[in-house]
Structures are given as structure tokens and as C-alpha cells.
Amino acid sequence: MIYIYIEIHKPNRFKDMLHKIQSKLEDMLFSILQHTPDKFIPKSLMRWFEKYTNKRLAQLKSDVIRKRWQTIELEKAVDNIHQRQQP
């Protein structure tokens, strides 16, 4: 017997909307900072952005790894199902 763990979530439109707004605000803020000369940006703000970007990069890397493992496990499950179906 093969057990396949699949998560099915009901879409939360409000949460999705807030996520999109946050993402757009981050993009705008980074765009503004990229076009602002360094001498006008306080060092404390630059340190905070550096910590924030490092944290986000770590989150994205872990998400990519998690998705790869899920994909690999699903592919293994599909292969096992196909092998059992063949005579």
C-alpha cells in the first residue's frame, strides 16, 4: 500500500490580496532605494534592508528545496503506481 500525502487548501482571497499588496510595496520600496544615492540613505536603514534581504533569500531557498523534495516524492509515487499497473 502506498500513502501519498497531498495538501489541498481552500483559497483565502483576503490573504492572497494582502500578500500581493505586500509584495508590490516591497518592490516599490526596493526600486526607490535603488535609484536613491547612497549618501541620502541612513546606514541604519541600509543595515535593516541587508538583514531583511538575507532573511528573505534564506526563506526562498528553503521554499525551493521543500518544493523540490515534494516534487521528487510525488514523482516517486507516480512511478510506483505505474510500475504496479504494468503486468
PDB file of N, CA and C in Angstrom:
ATOM      1  N   MET A   1       0.845  -1.173   0.000  1.00  0.00           N
ATOM      2  CA  MET A   1       0.000   0.000   0.000  1.00  0.00           C
ATOM      3  C   MET A   1       0.894   1.241   0.000  1.00  0.00           C
ATOM      4  N   ILE A   2       0.559   2.202  -0.838  1.00  0.00           N
ATOM      5  CA  ILE A   2       1.314   3.444  -0.945  1.00  0.00           C
ATOM      6  C   ILE A   2       0.462   4.577  -0.377  1.00  0.00           C
ATOM      7  N   TYR A   3       1.060   5.334   0.526  1.00  0.00           N
ATOM      8  CA  TYR A   3       0.388   6.500   1.067  1.00  0.00           C
ATOM      9  C   TYR A   3       0.968   7.743   0.410  1.00  0.00           C
ATOM     10  N   ILE A   4       0.108   8.593  -0.093  1.00  0.00           N
ATOM     11  CA  ILE A   4       0.525   9.846  -0.709  1.00  0.00           C
ATOM     12  C   ILE A   4      -0.072  10.979   0.115  1.00  0.00           C
ATOM     13  N   TYR A   5       0.793  11.853   0.582  1.00  0.00           N
ATOM     14  CA  TYR A   5       0.353  12.996   1.378  1.00  0.00           C
ATOM     15  C   TYR A   5       0.213  14.199   0.453  1.00  0.00           C
ATOM     16  N   ILE A   6      -1.024  14.639   0.258  1.00  0.00           N
ATOM     17  CA  ILE A   6      -1.303  15.787  -0.597  1.00  0.00           C
ATOM     18  C   ILE A   6      -2.100  16.796   0.219  1.00  0.00           C
ATOM     19  N   GLU A   7      -1.622  18.031   0.204  1.00  0.00           N
ATOM     20  CA  GLU A   7      -2.330  19.096   0.920  1.00  0.00           C
ATOM     21  C   GLU A   7      -3.211  19.853  -0.056  1.00  0.00           C
ATOM     22  N   ILE A   8      -4.457  19.992   0.298  1.00  0.00           N
ATOM     23  CA  ILE A   8      -5.387  20.774  -0.502  1.00  0.00           C
ATOM     24  C   ILE A   8      -5.939  21.873   0.397  1.00  0.00           C
ATOM     25  N   HIS A   9      -5.688  23.092  -0.013  1.00  0.00           N
ATOM     26  CA  HIS A   9      -6.132  24.230   0.787  1.00  0.00           C
ATOM     27  C   HIS A   9      -7.178  25.020   0.021  1.00  0.00           C
ATOM     28  N   LYS A  10      -8.182  25.448   0.749  1.00  0.00           N
ATOM     29  CA  LYS A  10      -9.187  26.321   0.160  1.00  0.00           C
ATOM     30  C   LYS A  10      -8.544  27.701  -0.003  1.00  0.00           C
ATOM     31  N   PRO A  11      -8.689  28.317  -1.172  1.00  0.00           N
ATOM     32  CA  PRO A  11      -8.060  29.627  -1.383  1.00  0.00           C
ATOM     33  C   PRO A  11      -8.615  30.678  -0.432  1.00  0.00           C
ATOM     34  N   ASN A  12      -7.716  31.448   0.145  1.00  0.00           N
ATOM     35  CA  ASN A  12      -8.097  32.550   1.016  1.00  0.00           C
ATOM     36  C   ASN A  12      -7.824  33.841   0.240  1.00  0.00           C
ATOM     37  N   ARG A  13      -8.865  34.393  -0.338  1.00  0.00           N
ATOM     38  CA  ARG A  13      -8.704  35.556  -1.219  1.00  0.00           C
ATOM     39  C   ARG A  13      -8.164  36.769  -0.477  1.00  0.00           C
ATOM     40  N   PHE A  14      -8.585  36.976   0.764  1.00  0.00           N
ATOM     41  CA  PHE A  14      -8.119  38.126   1.526  1.00  0.00           C
ATOM     42  C   PHE A  14      -6.625  38.003   1.809  1.00  0.00           C
ATOM     43  N   LYS A  15      -6.196  36.812   2.207  1.00  0.00           N
ATOM     44  CA  LYS A  15      -4.782  36.584   2.494  1.00  0.00           C
ATOM     45  C   LYS A  15      -3.950  36.735   1.221  1.00  0.00           C
ATOM     46  N   ASP A  16      -4.463  36.232   0.108  1.00  0.00           N
ATOM     47  CA  ASP A  16      -3.764  36.380  -1.168  1.00  0.00           C
ATOM     48  C   ASP A  16      -3.638  37.849  -1.556  1.00  0.00           C
ATOM     49  N   MET A  17      -4.705  38.620  -1.342  1.00  0.00           N
ATOM     50  CA  MET A  17      -4.683  40.034  -1.671  1.00  0.00           C
ATOM     51  C   MET A  17      -3.644  40.768  -0.810  1.00  0.00           C
ATOM     52  N   LEU A  18      -3.607  40.464   0.488  1.00  0.00           N
ATOM     53  CA  LEU A  18      -2.622  41.096   1.362  1.00  0.00           C
ATOM     54  C   LEU A  18      -1.197  40.725   0.957  1.00  0.00           C
ATOM     55  N   HIS A  19      -1.003  39.488   0.561  1.00  0.00           N
ATOM     56  CA  HIS A  19       0.320  39.053   0.116  1.00  0.00           C
ATOM     57  C   HIS A  19       0.750  39.813  -1.143  1.00  0.00           C
ATOM     58  N   LYS A  20      -0.184  40.006  -2.084  1.00  0.00           N
ATOM     59  CA  LYS A  20       0.130  40.739  -3.308  1.00  0.00           C
ATOM     60  C   LYS A  20       0.449  42.200  -3.006  1.00  0.00           C
ATOM     61  N   ILE A  21      -0.302  42.803  -2.080  1.00  0.00           N
ATOM     62  CA  ILE A  21      -0.050  44.196  -1.701  1.00  0.00           C
ATOM     63  C   ILE A  21       1.333  44.321  -1.065  1.00  0.00           C
ATOM     64  N   GLN A  22       1.652  43.410  -0.157  1.00  0.00           N
ATOM     65  CA  GLN A  22       2.958  43.441   0.497  1.00  0.00           C
ATOM     66  C   GLN A  22       4.078  43.287  -0.532  1.00  0.00           C
ATOM     67  N   SER A  23       3.893  42.387  -1.463  1.00  0.00           N
ATOM     68  CA  SER A  23       4.902  42.155  -2.489  1.00  0.00           C
ATOM     69  C   SER A  23       5.101  43.410  -3.348  1.00  0.00           C
ATOM     70  N   LYS A  24       4.014  44.047  -3.733  1.00  0.00           N
ATOM     71  CA  LYS A  24       4.106  45.268  -4.545  1.00  0.00           C
ATOM     72  C   LYS A  24       4.796  46.388  -3.770  1.00  0.00           C
ATOM     73  N   LEU A  25       4.474  46.527  -2.480  1.00  0.00           N
ATOM     74  CA  LEU A  25       5.119  47.554  -1.661  1.00  0.00           C
ATOM     75  C   LEU A  25       6.614  47.304  -1.531  1.00  0.00           C
ATOM     76  N   GLU A  26       7.003  46.053  -1.339  1.00  0.00           N
ATOM     77  CA  GLU A  26       8.426  45.714  -1.266  1.00  0.00           C
ATOM     78  C   GLU A  26       9.126  46.070  -2.569  1.00  0.00           C
ATOM     79  N   ASP A  27       8.494  45.725  -3.687  1.00  0.00           N
ATOM     80  CA  ASP A  27       9.089  46.025  -4.989  1.00  0.00           C
ATOM     81  C   ASP A  27       9.277  47.528  -5.181  1.00  0.00           C
ATOM     82  N   MET A  28       8.259  48.304  -4.805  1.00  0.00           N
ATOM     83  CA  MET A  28       8.352  49.759  -4.951  1.00  0.00           C
ATOM     84  C   MET A  28       9.441  50.335  -4.053  1.00  0.00           C
ATOM     85  N   LEU A  29       9.507  49.857  -2.812  1.00  0.00           N
ATOM     86  CA  LEU A  29      10.498  50.362  -1.874  1.00  0.00           C
ATOM     87  C   LEU A  29      11.917  50.053  -2.355  1.00  0.00           C
ATOM     88  N   PHE A  30      12.138  48.836  -2.835  1.00  0.00           N
ATOM     89  CA  PHE A  30      13.456  48.489  -3.348  1.00  0.00           C
ATOM     90  C   PHE A  30      13.797  49.284  -4.602  1.00  0.00           C
ATOM     91  N   SER A  31      12.806  49.537  -5.429  1.00  0.00           N
ATOM     92  CA  SER A  31      13.032  50.331  -6.632  1.00  0.00           C
ATOM     93  C   SER A  31      13.438  51.753  -6.258  1.00  0.00           C
ATOM     94  N   ILE A  32      12.748  52.313  -5.283  1.00  0.00           N
ATOM     95  CA  ILE A  32      13.079  53.666  -4.826  1.00  0.00           C
ATOM     96  C   ILE A  32      14.492  53.702  -4.259  1.00  0.00           C
ATOM     97  N   LEU A  33      14.834  52.698  -3.450  1.00  0.00           N
ATOM     98  CA  LEU A  33      16.166  52.672  -2.844  1.00  0.00           C
ATOM     99  C   LEU A  33      17.261  52.479  -3.887  1.00  0.00           C
ATOM    100  N   GLN A  34      16.979  51.737  -4.936  1.00  0.00           N
ATOM    101  CA  GLN A  34      17.983  51.523  -5.976  1.00  0.00           C
ATOM    102  C   GLN A  34      18.308  52.821  -6.715  1.00  0.00           C
ATOM    103  N   HIS A  35      17.332  53.693  -6.821  1.00  0.00           N
ATOM    104  CA  HIS A  35      17.532  54.934  -7.564  1.00  0.00           C
ATOM    105  C   HIS A  35      17.921  56.099  -6.659  1.00  0.00           C
ATOM    106  N   THR A  36      18.022  55.859  -5.367  1.00  0.00           N
ATOM    107  CA  THR A  36      18.418  56.899  -4.424  1.00  0.00           C
ATOM    108  C   THR A  36      19.929  56.810  -4.196  1.00  0.00           C
ATOM    109  N   PRO A  37      20.615  57.928  -4.262  1.00  0.00           N
ATOM    110  CA  PRO A  37      22.061  57.896  -3.991  1.00  0.00           C
ATOM    111  C   PRO A  37      22.342  57.405  -2.558  1.00  0.00           C
ATOM    112  N   ASP A  38      23.452  56.685  -2.401  1.00  0.00           N
ATOM    113  CA  ASP A  38      23.796  56.094  -1.109  1.00  0.00           C
ATOM    114  C   ASP A  38      23.939  57.132  -0.001  1.00  0.00           C
ATOM    115  N   LYS A  39      24.398  58.323  -0.348  1.00  0.00           N
ATOM    116  CA  LYS A  39      24.624  59.327   0.700  1.00  0.00           C
ATOM    117  C   LYS A  39      23.319  59.832   1.330  1.00  0.00           C
ATOM    118  N   PHE A  40      22.177  59.593   0.677  1.00  0.00           N
ATOM    119  CA  PHE A  40      20.893  60.025   1.221  1.00  0.00           C
ATOM    120  C   PHE A  40      20.170  58.945   2.028  1.00  0.00           C
ATOM    121  N   ILE A  41      20.717  57.740   2.042  1.00  0.00           N
ATOM    122  CA  ILE A  41      20.086  56.639   2.772  1.00  0.00           C
ATOM    123  C   ILE A  41      20.826  56.434   4.095  1.00  0.00           C
ATOM    124  N   PRO A  42      20.104  56.488   5.217  1.00  0.00           N
ATOM    125  CA  PRO A  42      20.760  56.276   6.516  1.00  0.00           C
ATOM    126  C   PRO A  42      21.357  54.874   6.619  1.00  0.00           C
ATOM    127  N   LYS A  43      22.488  54.771   7.305  1.00  0.00           N
ATOM    128  CA  LYS A  43      23.167  53.483   7.433  1.00  0.00           C
ATOM    129  C   LYS A  43      22.310  52.467   8.182  1.00  0.00           C
ATOM    130  N   SER A  44      21.550  52.934   9.160  1.00  0.00           N
ATOM    131  CA  SER A  44      20.698  52.008   9.909  1.00  0.00           C
ATOM    132  C   SER A  44      19.654  51.371   8.989  1.00  0.00           C
ATOM    133  N   LEU A  45      19.116  52.167   8.067  1.00  0.00           N
ATOM    134  CA  LEU A  45      18.148  51.645   7.111  1.00  0.00           C
ATOM    135  C   LEU A  45      18.805  50.653   6.152  1.00  0.00           C
ATOM    136  N   MET A  46      20.017  50.931   5.739  1.00  0.00           N
ATOM    137  CA  MET A  46      20.745  50.012   4.852  1.00  0.00           C
ATOM    138  C   MET A  46      21.031  48.687   5.557  1.00  0.00           C
ATOM    139  N   ARG A  47      21.411  48.748   6.831  1.00  0.00           N
ATOM    140  CA  ARG A  47      21.656  47.509   7.587  1.00  0.00           C
ATOM    141  C   ARG A  47      20.371  46.706   7.718  1.00  0.00           C
ATOM    142  N   TRP A  48      19.261  47.393   7.978  1.00  0.00           N
ATOM    143  CA  TRP A  48      17.982  46.696   8.112  1.00  0.00           C
ATOM    144  C   TRP A  48      17.610  46.012   6.794  1.00  0.00           C
ATOM    145  N   PHE A  49      17.792  46.724   5.671  1.00  0.00           N
ATOM    146  CA  PHE A  49      17.485  46.130   4.372  1.00  0.00           C
ATOM    147  C   PHE A  49      18.380  44.940   4.071  1.00  0.00           C
ATOM    148  N   GLU A  50      19.633  45.027   4.468  1.00  0.00           N
ATOM    149  CA  GLU A  50      20.540  43.903   4.245  1.00  0.00           C
ATOM    150  C   GLU A  50      20.085  42.683   5.041  1.00  0.00           C
ATOM    151  N   LYS A  51      19.722  42.882   6.305  1.00  0.00           N
ATOM    152  CA  LYS A  51      19.217  41.773   7.120  1.00  0.00           C
ATOM    153  C   LYS A  51      17.919  41.222   6.536  1.00  0.00           C
ATOM    154  N   TYR A  52      17.056  42.111   6.102  1.00  0.00           N
ATOM    155  CA  TYR A  52      15.768  41.699   5.538  1.00  0.00           C
ATOM    156  C   TYR A  52      15.969  40.880   4.266  1.00  0.00           C
ATOM    157  N   THR A  53      16.829  41.352   3.384  1.00  0.00           N
ATOM    158  CA  THR A  53      17.044  40.619   2.138  1.00  0.00           C
ATOM    159  C   THR A  53      17.708  39.265   2.404  1.00  0.00           C
ATOM    160  N   ASN A  54      18.625  39.204   3.351  1.00  0.00           N
ATOM    161  CA  ASN A  54      19.241  37.922   3.695  1.00  0.00           C
ATOM    162  C   ASN A  54      18.205  36.946   4.241  1.00  0.00           C
ATOM    163  N   LYS A  55      17.303  37.463   5.075  1.00  0.00           N
ATOM    164  CA  LYS A  55      16.239  36.618   5.635  1.00  0.00           C
ATOM    165  C   LYS A  55      15.309  36.115   4.536  1.00  0.00           C
ATOM    166  N   ARG A  56      14.929  36.998   3.622  1.00  0.00           N
ATOM    167  CA  ARG A  56      14.046  36.605   2.525  1.00  0.00           C
ATOM    168  C   ARG A  56      14.717  35.594   1.597  1.00  0.00           C
ATOM    169  N   LEU A  57      16.010  35.797   1.333  1.00  0.00           N
ATOM    170  CA  LEU A  57      16.732  34.840   0.491  1.00  0.00           C
ATOM    171  C   LEU A  57      16.765  33.467   1.137  1.00  0.00           C
ATOM    172  N   ALA A  58      16.997  33.426   2.445  1.00  0.00           N
ATOM    173  CA  ALA A  58      17.009  32.142   3.152  1.00  0.00           C
ATOM    174  C   ALA A  58      15.636  31.478   3.083  1.00  0.00           C
ATOM    175  N   GLN A  59      14.571  32.268   3.243  1.00  0.00           N
ATOM    176  CA  GLN A  59      13.212  31.726   3.144  1.00  0.00           C
ATOM    177  C   GLN A  59      12.945  31.164   1.753  1.00  0.00           C
ATOM    178  N   LEU A  60      13.327  31.913   0.734  1.00  0.00           N
ATOM    179  CA  LEU A  60      13.087  31.466  -0.639  1.00  0.00           C
ATOM    180  C   LEU A  60      13.892  30.212  -0.968  1.00  0.00           C
ATOM    181  N   LYS A  61      15.129  30.153  -0.493  1.00  0.00           N
ATOM    182  CA  LYS A  61      15.937  28.952  -0.723  1.00  0.00           C
ATOM    183  C   LYS A  61      15.307  27.737  -0.061  1.00  0.00           C
ATOM    184  N   SER A  62      14.829  27.904   1.175  1.00  0.00           N
ATOM    185  CA  SER A  62      14.200  26.766   1.856  1.00  0.00           C
ATOM    186  C   SER A  62      12.893  26.370   1.165  1.00  0.00           C
ATOM    187  N   ASP A  63      12.143  27.347   0.654  1.00  0.00           N
ATOM    188  CA  ASP A  63      10.917  27.033  -0.087  1.00  0.00           C
ATOM    189  C   ASP A  63      11.226  26.249  -1.364  1.00  0.00           C
ATOM    190  N   VAL A  64      12.286  26.648  -2.064  1.00  0.00           N
ATOM    191  CA  VAL A  64      12.677  25.946  -3.287  1.00  0.00           C
ATOM    192  C   VAL A  64      13.063  24.505  -2.961  1.00  0.00           C
ATOM    193  N   ILE A  65      13.841  24.322  -1.906  1.00  0.00           N
ATOM    194  CA  ILE A  65      14.257  22.973  -1.512  1.00  0.00           C
ATOM    195  C   ILE A  65      13.049  22.129  -1.129  1.00  0.00           C
ATOM    196  N   ARG A  66      12.124  22.707  -0.359  1.00  0.00           N
ATOM    197  CA  ARG A  66      10.921  21.986   0.057  1.00  0.00           C
ATOM    198  C   ARG A  66      10.090  21.575  -1.156  1.00  0.00           C
ATOM    199  N   LYS A  67       9.926  22.483  -2.109  1.00  0.00           N
ATOM    200  CA  LYS A  67       9.154  22.171  -3.320  1.00  0.00           C
ATOM    201  C   LYS A  67       9.838  21.079  -4.143  1.00  0.00           C
ATOM    202  N   ARG A  68      11.164  21.121  -4.211  1.00  0.00           N
ATOM    203  CA  ARG A  68      11.884  20.071  -4.948  1.00  0.00           C
ATOM    204  C   ARG A  68      11.654  18.708  -4.307  1.00  0.00           C
ATOM    205  N   TRP A  69      11.734  18.652  -2.972  1.00  0.00           N
ATOM    206  CA  TRP A  69      11.502  17.376  -2.285  1.00  0.00           C
ATOM    207  C   TRP A  69      10.079  16.894  -2.512  1.00  0.00           C
ATOM    208  N   GLN A  70       9.111  17.783  -2.468  1.00  0.00           N
ATOM    209  CA  GLN A  70       7.730  17.389  -2.722  1.00  0.00           C
ATOM    210  C   GLN A  70       7.583  16.849  -4.140  1.00  0.00           C
ATOM    211  N   THR A  71       8.212  17.512  -5.102  1.00  0.00           N
ATOM    212  CA  THR A  71       8.144  17.065  -6.488  1.00  0.00           C
ATOM    213  C   THR A  71       8.776  15.691  -6.645  1.00  0.00           C
ATOM    214  N   ILE A  72       9.929  15.502  -6.022  1.00  0.00           N
ATOM    215  CA  ILE A  72      10.619  14.207  -6.099  1.00  0.00           C
ATOM    216  C   ILE A  72       9.751  13.106  -5.500  1.00  0.00           C
ATOM    217  N   GLU A  73       9.159  13.374  -4.334  1.00  0.00           N
ATOM    218  CA  GLU A  73       8.308  12.368  -3.687  1.00  0.00           C
ATOM    219  C   GLU A  73       7.079  12.044  -4.531  1.00  0.00           C
ATOM    220  N   LEU A  74       6.474  13.059  -5.136  1.00  0.00           N
ATOM    221  CA  LEU A  74       5.312  12.812  -5.994  1.00  0.00           C
ATOM    222  C   LEU A  74       5.704  12.024  -7.244  1.00  0.00           C
ATOM    223  N   GLU A  75       6.872  12.343  -7.804  1.00  0.00           N
ATOM    224  CA  GLU A  75       7.335  11.582  -8.973  1.00  0.00           C
ATOM    225  C   GLU A  75       7.597  10.122  -8.607  1.00  0.00           C
ATOM    226  N   LYS A  76       8.164   9.889  -7.444  1.00  0.00           N
ATOM    227  CA  LYS A  76       8.396   8.506  -6.985  1.00  0.00           C
ATOM    228  C   LYS A  76       7.070   7.773  -6.827  1.00  0.00           C
ATOM    229  N   ALA A  77       6.085   8.453  -6.244  1.00  0.00           N
ATOM    230  CA  ALA A  77       4.777   7.829  -6.047  1.00  0.00           C
ATOM    231  C   ALA A  77       4.132   7.486  -7.392  1.00  0.00           C
ATOM    232  N   VAL A  78       4.230   8.391  -8.352  1.00  0.00           N
ATOM    233  CA  VAL A  78       3.658   8.140  -9.679  1.00  0.00           C
ATOM    234  C   VAL A  78       4.383   6.977 -10.348  1.00  0.00           C
ATOM    235  N   ASP A  79       5.707   6.946 -10.236  1.00  0.00           N
ATOM    236  CA  ASP A  79       6.472   5.825 -10.807  1.00  0.00           C
ATOM    237  C   ASP A  79       6.057   4.505 -10.176  1.00  0.00           C
ATOM    238  N   ASN A  80       5.880   4.495  -8.864  1.00  0.00           N
ATOM    239  CA  ASN A  80       5.451   3.267  -8.181  1.00  0.00           C
ATOM    240  C   ASN A  80       4.069   2.829  -8.650  1.00  0.00           C
ATOM    241  N   ILE A  81       3.181   3.771  -8.845  1.00  0.00           N
ATOM    242  CA  ILE A  81       1.832   3.445  -9.316  1.00  0.00           C
ATOM    243  C   ILE A  81       1.897   2.867 -10.718  1.00  0.00           C
ATOM    244  N   HIS A  82       2.708   3.477 -11.587  1.00  0.00           N
ATOM    245  CA  HIS A  82       2.830   2.978 -12.963  1.00  0.00           C
ATOM    246  C   HIS A  82       3.469   1.593 -12.995  1.00  0.00           C
ATOM    247  N   GLN A  83       4.439   1.353 -12.125  1.00  0.00           N
ATOM    248  CA  GLN A  83       5.092   0.043 -12.090  1.00  0.00           C
ATOM    249  C   GLN A  83       4.125  -1.046 -11.632  1.00  0.00           C
ATOM    250  N   ARG A  84       3.253  -0.716 -10.711  1.00  0.00           N
ATOM    251  CA  ARG A  84       2.284  -1.698 -10.228  1.00  0.00           C
ATOM    252  C   ARG A  84       1.200  -1.997 -11.245  1.00  0.00           C
ATOM    253  N   GLN A  85       0.929  -1.040 -12.114  1.00  0.00           N
ATOM    254  CA  GLN A  85      -0.101  -1.227 -13.126  1.00  0.00           C
ATOM    255  C   GLN A  85       0.390  -2.078 -14.291  1.00  0.00           C
ATOM    256  N   GLN A  86       1.693  -2.126 -14.507  1.00  0.00           N
ATOM    257  CA  GLN A  86       2.234  -2.943 -15.601  1.00  0.00           C
ATOM    258  C   GLN A  86       2.262  -4.404 -15.200  1.00  0.00           C
ATOM    259  N   PRO A  87       1.892  -5.280 -16.132  1.00  0.00           N
ATOM    260  CA  PRO A  87       1.851  -6.723 -15.811  1.00  0.00           C
ATOM    261  C   PRO A  87       3.216  -7.333 -15.669  1.00  0.00           C
TER     262      PRO A  87
END
